[in-house]
C-alpha cells in the first residue's frame, strides 16, 4: 500500500528478492509506472470491489506505507492464513479494525519505523548488488518553496533531494 518514496523501493526490493508483488493504490494513475517501470506483477485500485474480492485471503504480507489515516479492514481481508500487515506509514491516530478479522485468520499487525544499523547496511549492500536505486528529483535551494508546494499536492515522484552545493545561497 502506497507507492511513494518508501513504497516504490519496497516494490523494487521485493521483486529483487523474487517475490510476486501486488501494488494496491487508491487510483489508477500509477498503474503503468508500477507495472512497467518498477516491475510489479499486479496493480489493484482499492475502490475496485470486484478486484479486491478476488484478492481476498490471498496475500502473505502487506507493507502499508500510507502516512495518513485509512481503514485497515479492506486490507486485512486480503491477508491469507498467518498473513501479516506491516505498518510503515506513521499516523498519529488510533488504529481501528474488527478483531475477529485478525484472530480468525491468525493474522497479525506489526510495524517498523527504522532498521538497526546492521539491517540498514545489509539493505544497502543488497541494493548495491542488485543495482537498485531510489527514484529522486534533485532541486536547488531557490526552488525549495515550489518543492514544498508540490509536496503538499502529492506531486513528487518519489523523493526530493536538495542540492545545497549547486544552489546560489548568496541572496
N, C-alpha and C. Protein backbone atom coordinates (compact mmCIF):
# COMPACT_ATOMS: atom_id res chain seq x y z
N UNK A 1 0.85 -1.18 0.00
CA UNK A 1 0.00 0.00 0.00
C UNK A 1 0.88 1.23 0.00
N UNK A 2 0.63 2.10 -0.95
CA UNK A 2 1.42 3.32 -1.03
C UNK A 2 2.58 3.14 -1.98
N UNK A 3 2.68 4.03 -2.93
CA UNK A 3 3.74 3.92 -3.94
C UNK A 3 4.53 5.22 -4.00
N UNK A 4 4.94 5.69 -2.83
CA UNK A 4 5.74 6.91 -2.75
C UNK A 4 7.20 6.58 -2.54
N UNK A 5 7.87 7.40 -1.74
CA UNK A 5 9.30 7.24 -1.52
C UNK A 5 9.68 5.91 -0.91
N UNK A 6 8.93 5.43 0.05
CA UNK A 6 9.20 4.13 0.68
C UNK A 6 8.61 3.01 -0.16
N UNK A 7 7.37 3.17 -0.60
CA UNK A 7 6.67 2.12 -1.33
C UNK A 7 7.34 1.71 -2.62
N UNK A 8 7.86 2.68 -3.38
CA UNK A 8 8.49 2.32 -4.65
C UNK A 8 9.75 1.48 -4.44
N UNK A 9 10.49 1.76 -3.35
CA UNK A 9 11.65 0.93 -3.05
C UNK A 9 11.23 -0.44 -2.54
N UNK A 10 10.11 -0.50 -1.83
CA UNK A 10 9.58 -1.79 -1.39
C UNK A 10 9.28 -2.70 -2.56
N UNK A 11 8.70 -2.13 -3.62
CA UNK A 11 8.41 -2.91 -4.83
C UNK A 11 9.71 -3.42 -5.44
N UNK A 12 10.68 -2.53 -5.61
CA UNK A 12 11.96 -2.91 -6.22
C UNK A 12 12.67 -4.00 -5.42
N UNK A 13 12.72 -3.83 -4.10
CA UNK A 13 13.43 -4.79 -3.25
C UNK A 13 12.71 -6.14 -3.24
N UNK A 14 11.39 -6.12 -3.10
CA UNK A 14 10.63 -7.38 -3.08
C UNK A 14 10.79 -8.14 -4.40
N UNK A 15 10.77 -7.43 -5.53
CA UNK A 15 10.97 -8.09 -6.83
C UNK A 15 12.38 -8.68 -6.92
N UNK A 16 13.38 -7.93 -6.45
CA UNK A 16 14.76 -8.42 -6.49
C UNK A 16 14.94 -9.64 -5.61
N UNK A 17 14.10 -9.79 -4.59
CA UNK A 17 14.14 -10.96 -3.71
C UNK A 17 13.35 -12.13 -4.28
N UNK A 18 12.69 -11.92 -5.42
CA UNK A 18 11.96 -13.00 -6.08
C UNK A 18 10.50 -13.12 -5.71
N UNK A 19 9.94 -12.13 -5.04
CA UNK A 19 8.54 -12.18 -4.63
C UNK A 19 7.59 -11.75 -5.74
N UNK A 20 6.38 -12.26 -5.67
CA UNK A 20 5.27 -11.80 -6.51
C UNK A 20 4.74 -10.55 -5.82
N UNK A 21 4.68 -9.43 -6.54
CA UNK A 21 4.33 -8.14 -5.92
C UNK A 21 3.03 -7.60 -6.50
N UNK A 22 2.10 -7.31 -5.61
CA UNK A 22 0.84 -6.66 -5.98
C UNK A 22 0.83 -5.28 -5.35
N UNK A 23 0.69 -4.25 -6.18
CA UNK A 23 0.57 -2.88 -5.68
C UNK A 23 -0.90 -2.56 -5.55
N UNK A 24 -1.28 -2.02 -4.41
CA UNK A 24 -2.66 -1.58 -4.17
C UNK A 24 -2.61 -0.07 -4.00
N UNK A 25 -3.39 0.63 -4.81
CA UNK A 25 -3.38 2.09 -4.78
C UNK A 25 -4.80 2.62 -4.82
N UNK A 26 -4.96 3.87 -4.43
CA UNK A 26 -6.29 4.48 -4.40
C UNK A 26 -6.75 4.97 -5.77
N UNK A 27 -5.84 5.03 -6.73
CA UNK A 27 -6.23 5.47 -8.08
C UNK A 27 -5.46 4.67 -9.13
N UNK A 28 -5.88 4.83 -10.36
CA UNK A 28 -5.27 4.09 -11.47
C UNK A 28 -4.07 4.83 -12.06
N UNK A 29 -3.79 6.04 -11.57
CA UNK A 29 -2.79 6.89 -12.23
C UNK A 29 -1.36 6.36 -12.16
N UNK A 30 -1.06 5.45 -11.25
CA UNK A 30 0.31 4.94 -11.11
C UNK A 30 0.47 3.53 -11.70
N UNK A 31 -0.58 3.01 -12.35
CA UNK A 31 -0.56 1.64 -12.86
C UNK A 31 0.64 1.37 -13.79
N UNK A 32 0.77 2.17 -14.83
CA UNK A 32 1.85 1.96 -15.79
C UNK A 32 3.22 2.02 -15.15
N UNK A 33 3.39 2.98 -14.28
CA UNK A 33 4.65 3.14 -13.59
C UNK A 33 4.97 1.92 -12.72
N UNK A 34 3.96 1.45 -11.98
CA UNK A 34 4.16 0.31 -11.09
C UNK A 34 4.49 -0.96 -11.87
N UNK A 35 3.75 -1.21 -12.94
CA UNK A 35 3.93 -2.44 -13.70
C UNK A 35 5.13 -2.38 -14.64
N UNK A 36 5.25 -1.30 -15.39
CA UNK A 36 6.28 -1.22 -16.43
C UNK A 36 7.64 -0.76 -15.91
N UNK A 37 7.63 0.22 -15.03
CA UNK A 37 8.90 0.80 -14.57
C UNK A 37 9.44 0.11 -13.32
N UNK A 38 8.56 -0.16 -12.36
CA UNK A 38 9.02 -0.74 -11.09
C UNK A 38 8.98 -2.26 -11.08
N UNK A 39 8.24 -2.88 -12.01
CA UNK A 39 8.23 -4.34 -12.12
C UNK A 39 7.21 -5.08 -11.31
N UNK A 40 6.19 -4.37 -10.79
CA UNK A 40 5.14 -5.07 -10.03
C UNK A 40 4.44 -6.07 -10.94
N UNK A 41 3.92 -7.14 -10.35
CA UNK A 41 3.22 -8.18 -11.10
C UNK A 41 1.75 -7.84 -11.30
N UNK A 42 1.17 -7.18 -10.32
CA UNK A 42 -0.25 -6.83 -10.38
C UNK A 42 -0.44 -5.43 -9.82
N UNK A 43 -1.54 -4.80 -10.23
CA UNK A 43 -1.90 -3.48 -9.73
C UNK A 43 -3.40 -3.46 -9.52
N UNK A 44 -3.81 -3.13 -8.32
CA UNK A 44 -5.24 -3.14 -7.99
C UNK A 44 -5.61 -1.78 -7.39
N UNK A 45 -6.69 -1.21 -7.90
CA UNK A 45 -7.23 0.02 -7.33
C UNK A 45 -8.13 -0.37 -6.17
N UNK A 46 -7.87 0.19 -5.01
CA UNK A 46 -8.56 -0.24 -3.78
C UNK A 46 -10.07 -0.02 -3.82
N UNK A 47 -10.55 0.88 -4.65
CA UNK A 47 -12.01 1.11 -4.75
C UNK A 47 -12.69 0.13 -5.70
N UNK A 48 -11.92 -0.72 -6.38
CA UNK A 48 -12.48 -1.72 -7.29
C UNK A 48 -12.88 -2.94 -6.45
N UNK A 49 -14.15 -2.97 -6.06
CA UNK A 49 -14.65 -4.01 -5.14
C UNK A 49 -14.42 -5.41 -5.70
N UNK A 50 -14.68 -5.59 -6.98
CA UNK A 50 -14.53 -6.91 -7.59
C UNK A 50 -13.08 -7.41 -7.50
N UNK A 51 -12.13 -6.55 -7.85
CA UNK A 51 -10.71 -6.94 -7.80
C UNK A 51 -10.24 -7.18 -6.37
N UNK A 52 -10.73 -6.36 -5.45
CA UNK A 52 -10.36 -6.55 -4.04
C UNK A 52 -10.91 -7.88 -3.53
N UNK A 53 -12.12 -8.24 -3.94
CA UNK A 53 -12.69 -9.52 -3.52
C UNK A 53 -11.91 -10.69 -4.11
N UNK A 54 -11.42 -10.53 -5.35
CA UNK A 54 -10.60 -11.58 -5.96
C UNK A 54 -9.30 -11.80 -5.17
N UNK A 55 -8.79 -10.75 -4.56
CA UNK A 55 -7.55 -10.85 -3.78
C UNK A 55 -7.77 -11.38 -2.36
N UNK A 56 -9.01 -11.47 -1.92
CA UNK A 56 -9.32 -11.86 -0.54
C UNK A 56 -8.60 -13.15 -0.15
N UNK A 57 -8.04 -13.14 1.05
CA UNK A 57 -7.37 -14.31 1.64
C UNK A 57 -6.19 -14.82 0.81
N UNK A 58 -5.55 -13.97 0.01
CA UNK A 58 -4.51 -14.47 -0.89
C UNK A 58 -3.10 -13.94 -0.61
N UNK A 59 -2.97 -12.88 0.15
CA UNK A 59 -1.66 -12.27 0.33
C UNK A 59 -0.99 -12.74 1.63
N UNK A 60 0.31 -12.94 1.56
CA UNK A 60 1.08 -13.33 2.75
C UNK A 60 1.46 -12.11 3.59
N UNK A 61 1.82 -11.04 2.91
CA UNK A 61 2.25 -9.81 3.58
C UNK A 61 1.66 -8.61 2.87
N UNK A 62 1.39 -7.58 3.63
CA UNK A 62 1.07 -6.27 3.07
C UNK A 62 1.96 -5.28 3.80
N UNK A 63 2.73 -4.53 3.04
CA UNK A 63 3.54 -3.46 3.62
C UNK A 63 2.79 -2.16 3.36
N UNK A 64 2.33 -1.55 4.42
CA UNK A 64 1.49 -0.36 4.36
C UNK A 64 2.34 0.87 4.63
N UNK A 65 2.59 1.66 3.59
CA UNK A 65 3.44 2.85 3.73
C UNK A 65 2.63 4.14 3.72
N UNK A 66 1.32 4.04 3.81
CA UNK A 66 0.45 5.22 3.74
C UNK A 66 0.56 6.01 5.05
N UNK A 67 0.98 7.30 4.98
CA UNK A 67 1.21 8.07 6.20
C UNK A 67 0.01 8.87 6.71
N UNK A 68 -1.19 8.51 6.28
CA UNK A 68 -2.40 9.18 6.76
C UNK A 68 -3.41 8.12 7.19
N UNK A 69 -4.37 8.54 8.01
CA UNK A 69 -5.37 7.59 8.49
C UNK A 69 -6.12 6.96 7.32
N UNK A 70 -6.34 5.66 7.41
CA UNK A 70 -7.14 4.92 6.43
C UNK A 70 -7.64 3.65 7.11
N UNK A 71 -8.80 3.16 6.71
CA UNK A 71 -9.34 1.94 7.33
C UNK A 71 -8.47 0.73 7.01
N UNK A 72 -8.30 -0.14 7.98
CA UNK A 72 -7.46 -1.33 7.78
C UNK A 72 -8.25 -2.55 7.32
N UNK A 73 -9.55 -2.60 7.61
CA UNK A 73 -10.35 -3.79 7.30
C UNK A 73 -10.27 -4.24 5.84
N UNK A 74 -10.35 -3.33 4.87
CA UNK A 74 -10.28 -3.80 3.48
C UNK A 74 -8.98 -4.55 3.17
N UNK A 75 -7.91 -4.18 3.85
CA UNK A 75 -6.61 -4.79 3.59
C UNK A 75 -6.40 -6.04 4.43
N UNK A 76 -6.90 -6.03 5.66
CA UNK A 76 -6.83 -7.24 6.48
C UNK A 76 -7.54 -8.39 5.79
N UNK A 77 -8.63 -8.10 5.08
CA UNK A 77 -9.39 -9.14 4.37
C UNK A 77 -8.59 -9.77 3.24
N UNK A 78 -7.54 -9.10 2.78
CA UNK A 78 -6.73 -9.64 1.69
C UNK A 78 -5.69 -10.64 2.17
N UNK A 79 -5.39 -10.61 3.46
CA UNK A 79 -4.37 -11.50 4.01
C UNK A 79 -4.87 -12.93 4.15
N UNK A 80 -4.02 -13.87 3.79
CA UNK A 80 -4.33 -15.28 3.98
C UNK A 80 -4.04 -15.69 5.41
N UNK A 81 -4.17 -16.97 5.68
CA UNK A 81 -3.87 -17.53 7.00
C UNK A 81 -2.45 -17.17 7.40
N UNK A 82 -2.27 -16.67 8.60
CA UNK A 82 -0.98 -16.23 9.14
C UNK A 82 -0.39 -15.02 8.42
N UNK A 83 -1.20 -14.31 7.66
CA UNK A 83 -0.71 -13.13 6.94
C UNK A 83 -0.36 -11.99 7.89
N UNK A 84 0.52 -11.12 7.41
CA UNK A 84 0.99 -10.01 8.24
C UNK A 84 0.78 -8.68 7.53
N UNK A 85 0.20 -7.74 8.26
CA UNK A 85 0.09 -6.36 7.82
C UNK A 85 1.18 -5.59 8.54
N UNK A 86 2.13 -5.06 7.78
CA UNK A 86 3.28 -4.37 8.35
C UNK A 86 3.11 -2.87 8.10
N UNK A 87 2.95 -2.12 9.18
CA UNK A 87 2.73 -0.68 9.08
C UNK A 87 4.07 0.05 9.06
N UNK A 88 4.29 0.84 8.00
CA UNK A 88 5.48 1.68 7.90
C UNK A 88 5.13 3.15 7.80
N UNK A 89 3.90 3.46 7.45
CA UNK A 89 3.46 4.85 7.38
C UNK A 89 3.08 5.33 8.76
N UNK A 90 3.68 6.40 9.21
CA UNK A 90 3.43 6.91 10.56
C UNK A 90 2.14 7.72 10.56
N UNK A 91 1.19 7.30 11.39
CA UNK A 91 -0.05 8.06 11.58
C UNK A 91 -0.26 8.24 13.08
N UNK A 92 -0.76 9.37 13.44
CA UNK A 92 -0.93 9.68 14.87
C UNK A 92 -2.38 9.59 15.31
N UNK A 93 -3.11 8.65 14.76
CA UNK A 93 -4.49 8.42 15.18
C UNK A 93 -4.62 6.95 15.57
N UNK A 94 -5.54 6.64 16.45
CA UNK A 94 -5.72 5.24 16.86
C UNK A 94 -6.12 4.35 15.68
N UNK A 95 -5.60 3.14 15.66
CA UNK A 95 -5.98 2.17 14.64
C UNK A 95 -7.35 1.61 14.97
N UNK A 96 -8.13 1.36 13.94
CA UNK A 96 -9.46 0.78 14.14
C UNK A 96 -9.62 -0.41 13.19
N UNK A 97 -10.00 -1.55 13.77
CA UNK A 97 -10.27 -2.73 12.97
C UNK A 97 -11.12 -3.68 13.80
N UNK A 98 -11.77 -4.59 13.12
CA UNK A 98 -12.62 -5.58 13.78
C UNK A 98 -11.72 -6.74 14.19
N UNK A 99 -11.63 -7.02 15.48
CA UNK A 99 -10.66 -8.00 15.96
C UNK A 99 -10.83 -9.41 15.40
N UNK A 100 -12.06 -9.91 15.14
CA UNK A 100 -12.14 -11.25 14.55
C UNK A 100 -11.43 -11.37 13.19
N UNK A 101 -11.32 -10.26 12.45
CA UNK A 101 -10.59 -10.31 11.17
C UNK A 101 -9.14 -10.71 11.38
N UNK A 102 -8.60 -10.34 12.52
CA UNK A 102 -7.21 -10.67 12.83
C UNK A 102 -7.15 -12.06 13.44
N UNK A 103 -7.98 -12.32 14.43
CA UNK A 103 -7.89 -13.57 15.19
C UNK A 103 -8.29 -14.80 14.38
N UNK A 104 -9.37 -14.72 13.62
CA UNK A 104 -9.85 -15.91 12.91
C UNK A 104 -8.89 -16.36 11.80
N UNK A 105 -8.17 -15.43 11.22
CA UNK A 105 -7.21 -15.80 10.18
C UNK A 105 -5.79 -15.90 10.70
N UNK A 106 -5.65 -15.83 12.03
CA UNK A 106 -4.31 -15.81 12.65
C UNK A 106 -3.43 -14.76 11.98
N UNK A 107 -4.04 -13.65 11.65
CA UNK A 107 -3.31 -12.55 11.03
C UNK A 107 -2.65 -11.72 12.12
N UNK A 108 -1.64 -10.97 11.73
CA UNK A 108 -1.00 -10.09 12.70
C UNK A 108 -0.77 -8.71 12.09
N UNK A 109 -0.77 -7.74 12.95
CA UNK A 109 -0.46 -6.36 12.57
C UNK A 109 0.80 -5.99 13.32
N UNK A 110 1.78 -5.55 12.58
CA UNK A 110 3.06 -5.19 13.18
C UNK A 110 3.52 -3.89 12.55
N UNK A 111 4.61 -3.37 13.01
CA UNK A 111 5.11 -2.13 12.45
C UNK A 111 6.61 -2.06 12.50
N UNK A 112 7.15 -1.19 11.70
CA UNK A 112 8.59 -0.97 11.69
C UNK A 112 8.82 0.47 11.29
N UNK A 113 9.63 1.15 12.06
CA UNK A 113 9.91 2.55 11.75
C UNK A 113 11.27 2.69 11.09
N UNK A 114 12.25 1.99 11.65
CA UNK A 114 13.60 2.07 11.10
C UNK A 114 14.34 0.80 11.49
N UNK A 115 15.22 0.36 10.63
CA UNK A 115 16.00 -0.83 10.94
C UNK A 115 17.22 -0.48 11.78
N UNK A 116 17.86 -1.51 12.29
CA UNK A 116 19.11 -1.32 13.03
C UNK A 116 20.21 -0.91 12.05
N UNK A 117 21.35 -0.52 12.57
CA UNK A 117 22.48 -0.16 11.72
C UNK A 117 22.87 -1.36 10.85
N UNK A 118 22.91 -2.55 11.44
CA UNK A 118 23.27 -3.76 10.70
C UNK A 118 22.25 -4.03 9.59
N UNK A 119 20.96 -3.92 9.90
CA UNK A 119 19.93 -4.16 8.89
C UNK A 119 20.00 -3.12 7.76
N UNK A 120 20.28 -1.88 8.12
CA UNK A 120 20.41 -0.83 7.12
C UNK A 120 21.60 -1.11 6.20
N UNK A 121 22.72 -1.51 6.78
CA UNK A 121 23.90 -1.85 5.99
C UNK A 121 23.61 -3.03 5.05
N UNK A 122 22.91 -4.06 5.56
CA UNK A 122 22.56 -5.22 4.73
C UNK A 122 21.64 -4.82 3.58
N UNK A 123 20.68 -3.95 3.86
CA UNK A 123 19.76 -3.50 2.82
C UNK A 123 20.49 -2.69 1.75
N UNK A 124 21.39 -1.81 2.18
CA UNK A 124 22.15 -1.01 1.22
C UNK A 124 23.06 -1.90 0.37
N UNK A 125 23.68 -2.90 0.98
CA UNK A 125 24.53 -3.83 0.24
C UNK A 125 23.71 -4.63 -0.76
N UNK A 126 22.52 -5.08 -0.35
CA UNK A 126 21.62 -5.81 -1.25
C UNK A 126 21.25 -4.93 -2.44
N UNK A 127 20.89 -3.68 -2.17
CA UNK A 127 20.52 -2.76 -3.25
C UNK A 127 21.70 -2.53 -4.20
N UNK A 128 22.89 -2.42 -3.64
CA UNK A 128 24.09 -2.25 -4.47
C UNK A 128 24.30 -3.47 -5.37
N UNK A 129 24.21 -4.66 -4.78
CA UNK A 129 24.40 -5.90 -5.54
C UNK A 129 23.37 -6.04 -6.66
N UNK A 130 22.15 -5.63 -6.41
CA UNK A 130 21.06 -5.79 -7.38
C UNK A 130 20.89 -4.57 -8.29
N UNK A 131 21.68 -3.52 -8.05
CA UNK A 131 21.58 -2.32 -8.87
C UNK A 131 20.30 -1.53 -8.63
N UNK A 132 19.78 -1.58 -7.42
CA UNK A 132 18.53 -0.89 -7.09
C UNK A 132 18.84 0.52 -6.60
N UNK A 133 18.14 1.50 -7.18
CA UNK A 133 18.33 2.89 -6.79
C UNK A 133 16.99 3.54 -6.54
N UNK A 134 16.98 4.42 -5.56
CA UNK A 134 15.77 5.19 -5.28
C UNK A 134 15.57 6.22 -6.38
N UNK A 135 14.33 6.42 -6.77
CA UNK A 135 13.99 7.43 -7.77
C UNK A 135 13.94 8.78 -7.04
N UNK A 136 14.72 9.74 -7.53
CA UNK A 136 14.78 11.04 -6.88
C UNK A 136 14.63 12.16 -7.89
N UNK A 137 14.29 13.32 -7.39
CA UNK A 137 14.28 14.55 -8.18
C UNK A 137 15.15 15.55 -7.42
N UNK A 138 16.20 16.03 -8.05
CA UNK A 138 17.11 16.96 -7.41
C UNK A 138 16.59 18.38 -7.60
N UNK A 139 16.52 19.12 -6.49
CA UNK A 139 16.06 20.51 -6.55
C UNK A 139 17.11 21.40 -5.89
N UNK A 140 17.19 22.61 -6.37
CA UNK A 140 18.11 23.59 -5.79
C UNK A 140 17.38 24.37 -4.70
N UNK A 141 18.15 25.01 -3.83
CA UNK A 141 17.57 25.74 -2.70
C UNK A 141 16.60 26.83 -3.16
N UNK A 142 16.88 27.49 -4.29
CA UNK A 142 15.99 28.56 -4.73
C UNK A 142 14.65 28.02 -5.25
N UNK A 143 14.50 26.71 -5.30
CA UNK A 143 13.24 26.08 -5.72
C UNK A 143 12.51 25.46 -4.52
N UNK A 144 13.04 25.69 -3.33
CA UNK A 144 12.53 24.98 -2.15
C UNK A 144 11.06 25.30 -1.86
N UNK A 145 10.63 26.54 -2.07
CA UNK A 145 9.22 26.89 -1.81
C UNK A 145 8.29 26.14 -2.77
N UNK A 146 8.67 26.06 -4.04
CA UNK A 146 7.87 25.31 -5.01
C UNK A 146 7.88 23.82 -4.67
N UNK A 147 9.02 23.33 -4.20
CA UNK A 147 9.11 21.91 -3.81
C UNK A 147 8.15 21.63 -2.65
N UNK A 148 8.09 22.54 -1.69
CA UNK A 148 7.17 22.37 -0.56
C UNK A 148 5.72 22.38 -1.03
N UNK A 149 5.39 23.26 -1.97
CA UNK A 149 4.04 23.29 -2.53
C UNK A 149 3.72 21.98 -3.23
N UNK A 150 4.68 21.45 -3.97
CA UNK A 150 4.47 20.17 -4.65
C UNK A 150 4.31 19.03 -3.66
N UNK A 151 5.04 19.07 -2.56
CA UNK A 151 4.88 18.06 -1.51
C UNK A 151 3.45 18.08 -0.97
N UNK A 152 2.93 19.27 -0.72
CA UNK A 152 1.57 19.40 -0.20
C UNK A 152 0.53 18.86 -1.19
N UNK A 153 0.82 18.95 -2.49
CA UNK A 153 -0.10 18.48 -3.53
C UNK A 153 0.14 17.01 -3.90
N UNK A 154 1.08 16.37 -3.20
CA UNK A 154 1.45 14.98 -3.51
C UNK A 154 1.92 14.85 -4.95
N UNK A 155 2.71 15.82 -5.39
CA UNK A 155 3.21 15.88 -6.76
C UNK A 155 4.71 15.61 -6.80
N UNK A 156 5.14 14.55 -6.13
CA UNK A 156 6.56 14.20 -6.08
C UNK A 156 6.71 12.75 -6.47
N UNK A 157 7.64 12.46 -7.34
CA UNK A 157 7.96 11.09 -7.69
C UNK A 157 9.45 10.94 -7.53
N UNK A 158 10.00 10.41 -6.58
CA UNK A 158 9.48 9.80 -5.38
C UNK A 158 10.00 10.53 -4.17
N UNK A 159 11.18 11.07 -4.33
CA UNK A 159 11.79 11.84 -3.25
C UNK A 159 12.46 13.08 -3.85
N UNK A 160 12.39 14.18 -3.10
CA UNK A 160 13.19 15.35 -3.43
C UNK A 160 14.53 15.22 -2.71
N UNK A 161 15.60 15.61 -3.39
CA UNK A 161 16.91 15.74 -2.78
C UNK A 161 17.35 17.17 -3.04
N UNK A 162 17.69 17.89 -1.98
CA UNK A 162 18.07 19.29 -2.12
C UNK A 162 19.57 19.39 -2.39
N UNK A 163 19.91 20.01 -3.51
CA UNK A 163 21.30 20.22 -3.92
C UNK A 163 21.78 21.53 -3.31
N UNK A 164 22.37 21.45 -2.14
CA UNK A 164 22.84 22.65 -1.45
C UNK A 164 24.09 23.18 -2.14
N UNK A 165 25.02 22.30 -2.50
CA UNK A 165 26.28 22.71 -3.11
C UNK A 165 26.06 23.44 -4.43
N UNK A 166 25.07 23.01 -5.21
CA UNK A 166 24.82 23.62 -6.51
C UNK A 166 23.84 24.78 -6.46
N UNK A 167 23.47 25.20 -5.27
CA UNK A 167 22.49 26.27 -5.11
C UNK A 167 23.19 27.61 -4.88
N UNK A 168 22.53 28.67 -5.30
CA UNK A 168 23.02 30.02 -5.07
C UNK A 168 22.52 30.47 -3.70
N UNK A 169 23.37 30.38 -2.69
CA UNK A 169 22.97 30.72 -1.33
C UNK A 169 23.29 32.16 -0.96
N UNK A 170 23.89 32.90 -1.87
CA UNK A 170 24.26 34.30 -1.63
C UNK A 170 23.17 35.22 -2.15
N UNK A 171 22.06 35.31 -1.44
CA UNK A 171 20.97 36.18 -1.90
C UNK A 171 20.61 37.19 -0.88
